[in-house]
Amino acid sequence: MEYTLLRLIHVGTVYVTFVLFVLRGVWMMLDSPRLSARWVRILPHVNDTVLLVAAIGMLVVASINPLEQPWLLAKIAGLIAYVVLGSLALRRGRSKGRRVAAFFAALLVFAYILAVGVTKQVLPGIV
């Protein structure tokens, strides 16, 4: 598959990931029963799988070793933090206050991952 198409898929699924995460976070804060709907439990995982496959595909097509690119290592570290915080926000947080705090922290990490991806710098905005 061509790099440009993989990048388009990757960026598109990033948008979908953001929208689904915000939607689920709002539903969590509102104690909405929609949060337990089957499609809400499945679709984000399907989308995130496509996102990761496209990312790996871009690395393969471009012959990039992420261990040699500090900005990619930063994105991977950010991704791990985002997954942990997202899990706390939507499922594992012991109290609603902790889930809400984890939700907003996850959004900050998401913004960091985006900034790193756009600037290809570990500390975006710092020269």
N, C-alpha and C. Protein backbone atom coordinates (compact mmCIF):
# COMPACT_ATOMS: atom_id res chain seq x y z
N MET A 1 0.85 -1.18 0.00
CA MET A 1 0.00 0.00 0.00
C MET A 1 0.90 1.24 0.00
N GLU A 2 0.47 2.27 -0.65
CA GLU A 2 1.23 3.50 -0.78
C GLU A 2 1.24 4.29 0.54
N TYR A 3 2.36 4.94 0.80
CA TYR A 3 2.54 5.71 2.04
C TYR A 3 1.44 6.76 2.21
N THR A 4 1.12 7.47 1.14
CA THR A 4 0.13 8.55 1.22
C THR A 4 -1.23 8.03 1.65
N LEU A 5 -1.63 6.87 1.13
CA LEU A 5 -2.90 6.28 1.52
C LEU A 5 -2.86 5.83 2.98
N LEU A 6 -1.76 5.21 3.39
CA LEU A 6 -1.63 4.79 4.78
C LEU A 6 -1.70 6.00 5.72
N ARG A 7 -1.06 7.09 5.33
CA ARG A 7 -1.09 8.31 6.15
C ARG A 7 -2.51 8.87 6.23
N LEU A 8 -3.22 8.86 5.13
CA LEU A 8 -4.60 9.33 5.11
C LEU A 8 -5.47 8.48 6.05
N ILE A 9 -5.31 7.18 5.98
CA ILE A 9 -6.05 6.28 6.87
C ILE A 9 -5.68 6.57 8.33
N HIS A 10 -4.39 6.71 8.58
CA HIS A 10 -3.91 6.98 9.94
C HIS A 10 -4.52 8.27 10.49
N VAL A 11 -4.42 9.34 9.73
CA VAL A 11 -4.93 10.63 10.19
C VAL A 11 -6.46 10.58 10.36
N GLY A 12 -7.15 9.93 9.44
CA GLY A 12 -8.60 9.80 9.55
C GLY A 12 -9.02 9.05 10.80
N THR A 13 -8.31 7.98 11.10
CA THR A 13 -8.66 7.21 12.30
C THR A 13 -8.27 7.95 13.57
N VAL A 14 -7.29 8.84 13.51
CA VAL A 14 -6.97 9.68 14.67
C VAL A 14 -8.17 10.58 14.99
N TYR A 15 -8.76 11.18 13.96
CA TYR A 15 -9.95 12.01 14.18
C TYR A 15 -11.09 11.20 14.80
N VAL A 16 -11.31 10.01 14.27
CA VAL A 16 -12.39 9.15 14.80
C VAL A 16 -12.09 8.77 16.24
N THR A 17 -10.84 8.45 16.54
CA THR A 17 -10.45 8.11 17.91
C THR A 17 -10.79 9.26 18.85
N PHE A 18 -10.43 10.48 18.44
CA PHE A 18 -10.69 11.65 19.28
C PHE A 18 -12.19 11.83 19.54
N VAL A 19 -12.97 11.78 18.48
CA VAL A 19 -14.42 11.98 18.61
C VAL A 19 -15.03 10.90 19.51
N LEU A 20 -14.65 9.65 19.29
CA LEU A 20 -15.21 8.57 20.11
C LEU A 20 -14.79 8.69 21.57
N PHE A 21 -13.53 9.08 21.82
CA PHE A 21 -13.07 9.21 23.19
C PHE A 21 -13.81 10.35 23.90
N VAL A 22 -13.95 11.49 23.24
CA VAL A 22 -14.66 12.62 23.85
C VAL A 22 -16.11 12.24 24.11
N LEU A 23 -16.75 11.59 23.15
CA LEU A 23 -18.14 11.17 23.31
C LEU A 23 -18.29 10.23 24.51
N ARG A 24 -17.41 9.24 24.59
CA ARG A 24 -17.49 8.31 25.72
C ARG A 24 -17.17 9.01 27.04
N GLY A 25 -16.25 9.97 27.01
CA GLY A 25 -15.94 10.72 28.23
C GLY A 25 -17.12 11.54 28.71
N VAL A 26 -17.81 12.19 27.79
CA VAL A 26 -19.01 12.96 28.15
C VAL A 26 -20.07 12.02 28.70
N TRP A 27 -20.27 10.90 28.07
CA TRP A 27 -21.26 9.94 28.57
C TRP A 27 -20.88 9.42 29.95
N MET A 28 -19.58 9.23 30.19
CA MET A 28 -19.13 8.80 31.51
C MET A 28 -19.49 9.85 32.55
N MET A 29 -19.22 11.12 32.23
CA MET A 29 -19.51 12.19 33.18
C MET A 29 -21.01 12.35 33.44
N LEU A 30 -21.82 12.02 32.44
CA LEU A 30 -23.28 12.12 32.58
C LEU A 30 -23.91 10.83 33.10
N ASP A 31 -23.10 9.82 33.36
CA ASP A 31 -23.61 8.50 33.77
C ASP A 31 -24.63 7.95 32.77
N SER A 32 -24.36 8.15 31.50
CA SER A 32 -25.28 7.74 30.45
C SER A 32 -25.23 6.22 30.24
N PRO A 33 -26.39 5.61 30.07
CA PRO A 33 -26.41 4.17 29.76
C PRO A 33 -25.87 3.88 28.36
N ARG A 34 -25.73 4.91 27.53
CA ARG A 34 -25.18 4.71 26.19
C ARG A 34 -23.76 4.18 26.23
N LEU A 35 -23.06 4.45 27.31
CA LEU A 35 -21.68 4.02 27.45
C LEU A 35 -21.55 2.50 27.43
N SER A 36 -22.62 1.81 27.78
CA SER A 36 -22.56 0.34 27.80
C SER A 36 -23.13 -0.30 26.53
N ALA A 37 -23.48 0.50 25.55
CA ALA A 37 -23.99 -0.05 24.29
C ALA A 37 -22.90 -0.88 23.61
N ARG A 38 -23.31 -1.93 22.95
CA ARG A 38 -22.35 -2.85 22.34
C ARG A 38 -21.42 -2.15 21.34
N TRP A 39 -21.99 -1.32 20.46
CA TRP A 39 -21.16 -0.66 19.45
C TRP A 39 -20.14 0.27 20.09
N VAL A 40 -20.49 0.85 21.24
CA VAL A 40 -19.58 1.76 21.94
C VAL A 40 -18.39 0.99 22.52
N ARG A 41 -18.62 -0.26 22.87
CA ARG A 41 -17.54 -1.09 23.41
C ARG A 41 -16.67 -1.68 22.31
N ILE A 42 -17.19 -1.80 21.07
CA ILE A 42 -16.46 -2.47 20.00
C ILE A 42 -15.81 -1.49 19.02
N LEU A 43 -16.55 -0.51 18.53
CA LEU A 43 -16.07 0.38 17.48
C LEU A 43 -14.74 1.08 17.80
N PRO A 44 -14.55 1.61 19.01
CA PRO A 44 -13.26 2.26 19.28
C PRO A 44 -12.07 1.31 19.14
N HIS A 45 -12.24 0.05 19.52
CA HIS A 45 -11.15 -0.92 19.40
C HIS A 45 -10.86 -1.25 17.94
N VAL A 46 -11.90 -1.36 17.14
CA VAL A 46 -11.72 -1.62 15.71
C VAL A 46 -10.99 -0.44 15.07
N ASN A 47 -11.45 0.77 15.38
CA ASN A 47 -10.83 1.97 14.82
C ASN A 47 -9.37 2.09 15.25
N ASP A 48 -9.10 1.86 16.53
CA ASP A 48 -7.73 1.98 17.02
C ASP A 48 -6.82 0.92 16.42
N THR A 49 -7.36 -0.25 16.13
CA THR A 49 -6.58 -1.29 15.46
C THR A 49 -6.19 -0.84 14.06
N VAL A 50 -7.14 -0.27 13.33
CA VAL A 50 -6.85 0.24 11.98
C VAL A 50 -5.80 1.36 12.07
N LEU A 51 -5.93 2.23 13.07
CA LEU A 51 -4.98 3.32 13.28
C LEU A 51 -3.57 2.76 13.46
N LEU A 52 -3.42 1.77 14.34
CA LEU A 52 -2.09 1.19 14.60
C LEU A 52 -1.54 0.44 13.39
N VAL A 53 -2.39 -0.29 12.69
CA VAL A 53 -1.94 -1.02 11.50
C VAL A 53 -1.45 -0.03 10.44
N ALA A 54 -2.17 1.07 10.26
CA ALA A 54 -1.73 2.09 9.30
C ALA A 54 -0.40 2.70 9.73
N ALA A 55 -0.23 2.95 11.03
CA ALA A 55 1.03 3.52 11.53
C ALA A 55 2.19 2.57 11.28
N ILE A 56 1.99 1.30 11.58
CA ILE A 56 3.04 0.30 11.34
C ILE A 56 3.31 0.18 9.85
N GLY A 57 2.25 0.22 9.04
CA GLY A 57 2.42 0.18 7.59
C GLY A 57 3.25 1.33 7.08
N MET A 58 3.04 2.53 7.62
CA MET A 58 3.84 3.69 7.21
C MET A 58 5.31 3.48 7.56
N LEU A 59 5.56 2.92 8.74
CA LEU A 59 6.95 2.65 9.13
C LEU A 59 7.61 1.66 8.19
N VAL A 60 6.87 0.62 7.83
CA VAL A 60 7.42 -0.41 6.95
C VAL A 60 7.67 0.16 5.55
N VAL A 61 6.68 0.84 5.00
CA VAL A 61 6.81 1.40 3.64
C VAL A 61 7.95 2.40 3.57
N ALA A 62 8.10 3.22 4.61
CA ALA A 62 9.14 4.25 4.61
C ALA A 62 10.48 3.73 5.16
N SER A 63 10.53 2.46 5.54
CA SER A 63 11.74 1.86 6.12
C SER A 63 12.27 2.68 7.29
N ILE A 64 11.37 3.01 8.22
CA ILE A 64 11.75 3.78 9.39
C ILE A 64 11.79 2.86 10.61
N ASN A 65 12.90 2.93 11.34
CA ASN A 65 13.03 2.19 12.59
C ASN A 65 12.65 3.16 13.72
N PRO A 66 11.54 2.91 14.42
CA PRO A 66 11.11 3.85 15.45
C PRO A 66 12.12 4.00 16.59
N LEU A 67 12.97 3.00 16.77
CA LEU A 67 13.98 3.09 17.84
C LEU A 67 15.08 4.09 17.50
N GLU A 68 15.15 4.49 16.23
CA GLU A 68 16.16 5.47 15.79
C GLU A 68 15.58 6.88 15.66
N GLN A 69 14.32 7.03 15.96
CA GLN A 69 13.65 8.32 15.83
C GLN A 69 13.09 8.73 17.19
N PRO A 70 13.73 9.68 17.87
CA PRO A 70 13.26 10.07 19.20
C PRO A 70 11.80 10.53 19.22
N TRP A 71 11.36 11.23 18.19
CA TRP A 71 9.97 11.70 18.16
C TRP A 71 8.99 10.54 18.09
N LEU A 72 9.35 9.45 17.40
CA LEU A 72 8.47 8.29 17.36
C LEU A 72 8.44 7.58 18.71
N LEU A 73 9.56 7.52 19.37
CA LEU A 73 9.59 6.95 20.72
C LEU A 73 8.71 7.78 21.66
N ALA A 74 8.75 9.10 21.49
CA ALA A 74 7.90 9.98 22.30
C ALA A 74 6.42 9.71 22.02
N LYS A 75 6.07 9.49 20.74
CA LYS A 75 4.67 9.17 20.41
C LYS A 75 4.25 7.85 21.02
N ILE A 76 5.14 6.87 20.99
CA ILE A 76 4.82 5.55 21.56
C ILE A 76 4.64 5.67 23.07
N ALA A 77 5.53 6.41 23.73
CA ALA A 77 5.40 6.63 25.18
C ALA A 77 4.09 7.36 25.48
N GLY A 78 3.77 8.36 24.67
CA GLY A 78 2.52 9.08 24.83
C GLY A 78 1.31 8.17 24.62
N LEU A 79 1.41 7.29 23.65
CA LEU A 79 0.32 6.35 23.39
C LEU A 79 0.07 5.45 24.59
N ILE A 80 1.14 4.96 25.19
CA ILE A 80 1.00 4.11 26.38
C ILE A 80 0.33 4.89 27.51
N ALA A 81 0.77 6.14 27.73
CA ALA A 81 0.16 6.97 28.77
C ALA A 81 -1.31 7.23 28.46
N TYR A 82 -1.62 7.50 27.19
CA TYR A 82 -3.01 7.75 26.78
C TYR A 82 -3.89 6.53 27.03
N VAL A 83 -3.40 5.35 26.71
CA VAL A 83 -4.18 4.12 26.91
C VAL A 83 -4.44 3.90 28.40
N VAL A 84 -3.42 4.08 29.22
CA VAL A 84 -3.58 3.90 30.67
C VAL A 84 -4.58 4.92 31.23
N LEU A 85 -4.41 6.18 30.87
CA LEU A 85 -5.33 7.21 31.35
C LEU A 85 -6.74 7.01 30.82
N GLY A 86 -6.85 6.62 29.55
CA GLY A 86 -8.17 6.35 28.98
C GLY A 86 -8.87 5.20 29.68
N SER A 87 -8.12 4.19 30.03
CA SER A 87 -8.68 3.05 30.77
C SER A 87 -9.17 3.49 32.15
N LEU A 88 -8.38 4.32 32.81
CA LEU A 88 -8.80 4.85 34.11
C LEU A 88 -10.04 5.73 33.96
N ALA A 89 -10.09 6.52 32.90
CA ALA A 89 -11.19 7.45 32.69
C ALA A 89 -12.51 6.73 32.39
N LEU A 90 -12.44 5.70 31.60
CA LEU A 90 -13.69 5.08 31.12
C LEU A 90 -14.07 3.80 31.83
N ARG A 91 -13.16 3.25 32.62
CA ARG A 91 -13.49 1.96 33.18
C ARG A 91 -12.93 1.73 34.58
N ARG A 92 -11.66 1.97 34.77
CA ARG A 92 -10.99 1.50 35.96
C ARG A 92 -10.86 2.52 37.09
N GLY A 93 -11.20 3.77 36.85
CA GLY A 93 -11.10 4.79 37.89
C GLY A 93 -12.03 4.46 39.05
N ARG A 94 -11.52 4.55 40.27
CA ARG A 94 -12.29 4.13 41.46
C ARG A 94 -13.41 5.09 41.83
N SER A 95 -13.27 6.35 41.44
CA SER A 95 -14.32 7.32 41.73
C SER A 95 -14.56 8.16 40.47
N LYS A 96 -15.69 8.81 40.46
CA LYS A 96 -16.01 9.64 39.30
C LYS A 96 -15.00 10.79 39.18
N GLY A 97 -14.59 11.35 40.29
CA GLY A 97 -13.61 12.43 40.27
C GLY A 97 -12.30 11.98 39.64
N ARG A 98 -11.85 10.79 39.98
CA ARG A 98 -10.62 10.26 39.39
C ARG A 98 -10.81 9.96 37.91
N ARG A 99 -11.99 9.46 37.54
CA ARG A 99 -12.25 9.18 36.12
C ARG A 99 -12.25 10.46 35.31
N VAL A 100 -12.86 11.52 35.85
CA VAL A 100 -12.90 12.81 35.15
C VAL A 100 -11.48 13.38 35.03
N ALA A 101 -10.70 13.31 36.10
CA ALA A 101 -9.32 13.80 36.06
C ALA A 101 -8.50 13.02 35.04
N ALA A 102 -8.67 11.71 35.01
CA ALA A 102 -7.95 10.87 34.04
C ALA A 102 -8.40 11.20 32.62
N PHE A 103 -9.68 11.50 32.44
CA PHE A 103 -10.19 11.86 31.12
C PHE A 103 -9.49 13.12 30.59
N PHE A 104 -9.42 14.16 31.42
CA PHE A 104 -8.79 15.39 30.97
C PHE A 104 -7.28 15.22 30.81
N ALA A 105 -6.67 14.42 31.65
CA ALA A 105 -5.24 14.14 31.49
C ALA A 105 -5.00 13.39 30.18
N ALA A 106 -5.88 12.46 29.84
CA ALA A 106 -5.76 11.72 28.59
C ALA A 106 -5.90 12.66 27.39
N LEU A 107 -6.78 13.64 27.48
CA LEU A 107 -6.92 14.62 26.40
C LEU A 107 -5.64 15.43 26.23
N LEU A 108 -4.99 15.79 27.34
CA LEU A 108 -3.72 16.51 27.25
C LEU A 108 -2.65 15.65 26.59
N VAL A 109 -2.60 14.38 26.95
CA VAL A 109 -1.63 13.46 26.34
C VAL A 109 -1.94 13.29 24.86
N PHE A 110 -3.21 13.20 24.51
CA PHE A 110 -3.61 13.09 23.11
C PHE A 110 -3.11 14.30 22.33
N ALA A 111 -3.27 15.50 22.90
CA ALA A 111 -2.79 16.72 22.25
C ALA A 111 -1.28 16.68 22.07
N TYR A 112 -0.57 16.16 23.08
CA TYR A 112 0.88 16.03 22.98
C TYR A 112 1.26 15.09 21.83
N ILE A 113 0.58 13.95 21.75
CA ILE A 113 0.87 12.98 20.68
C ILE A 113 0.65 13.63 19.32
N LEU A 114 -0.44 14.37 19.18
CA LEU A 114 -0.70 15.07 17.91
C LEU A 114 0.41 16.07 17.59
N ALA A 115 0.80 16.85 18.58
CA ALA A 115 1.83 17.86 18.37
C ALA A 115 3.16 17.22 17.97
N VAL A 116 3.49 16.12 18.61
CA VAL A 116 4.73 15.41 18.25
C VAL A 116 4.65 14.90 16.82
N GLY A 117 3.50 14.34 16.46
CA GLY A 117 3.33 13.82 15.10
C GLY A 117 3.43 14.90 14.04
N VAL A 118 2.90 16.06 14.33
CA VAL A 118 2.92 17.15 13.36
C VAL A 118 4.31 17.78 13.25
N THR A 119 4.95 18.01 14.40
CA THR A 119 6.24 18.72 14.40
C THR A 119 7.44 17.79 14.28
N LYS A 120 7.24 16.52 14.59
CA LYS A 120 8.33 15.54 14.62
C LYS A 120 9.43 15.97 15.60
N GLN A 121 8.98 16.57 16.71
CA GLN A 121 9.87 16.98 17.80
C GLN A 121 9.36 16.38 19.10
N VAL A 122 10.29 15.94 19.95
CA VAL A 122 9.91 15.36 21.24
C VAL A 122 9.23 16.41 22.12
N LEU A 123 9.72 17.64 22.06
CA LEU A 123 9.13 18.76 22.80
C LEU A 123 8.66 19.81 21.80
N PRO A 124 7.46 19.62 21.25
CA PRO A 124 6.96 20.54 20.23
C PRO A 124 6.94 21.99 20.72
N GLY A 125 7.37 22.87 19.85
CA GLY A 125 7.35 24.29 20.17
C GLY A 125 8.63 24.78 20.82
N ILE A 126 9.51 23.85 21.22
CA ILE A 126 10.79 24.22 21.83
C ILE A 126 11.87 23.91 20.83
N VAL A 127 12.62 24.92 20.44
CA VAL A 127 13.65 24.73 19.42
C VAL A 127 14.90 24.18 20.00
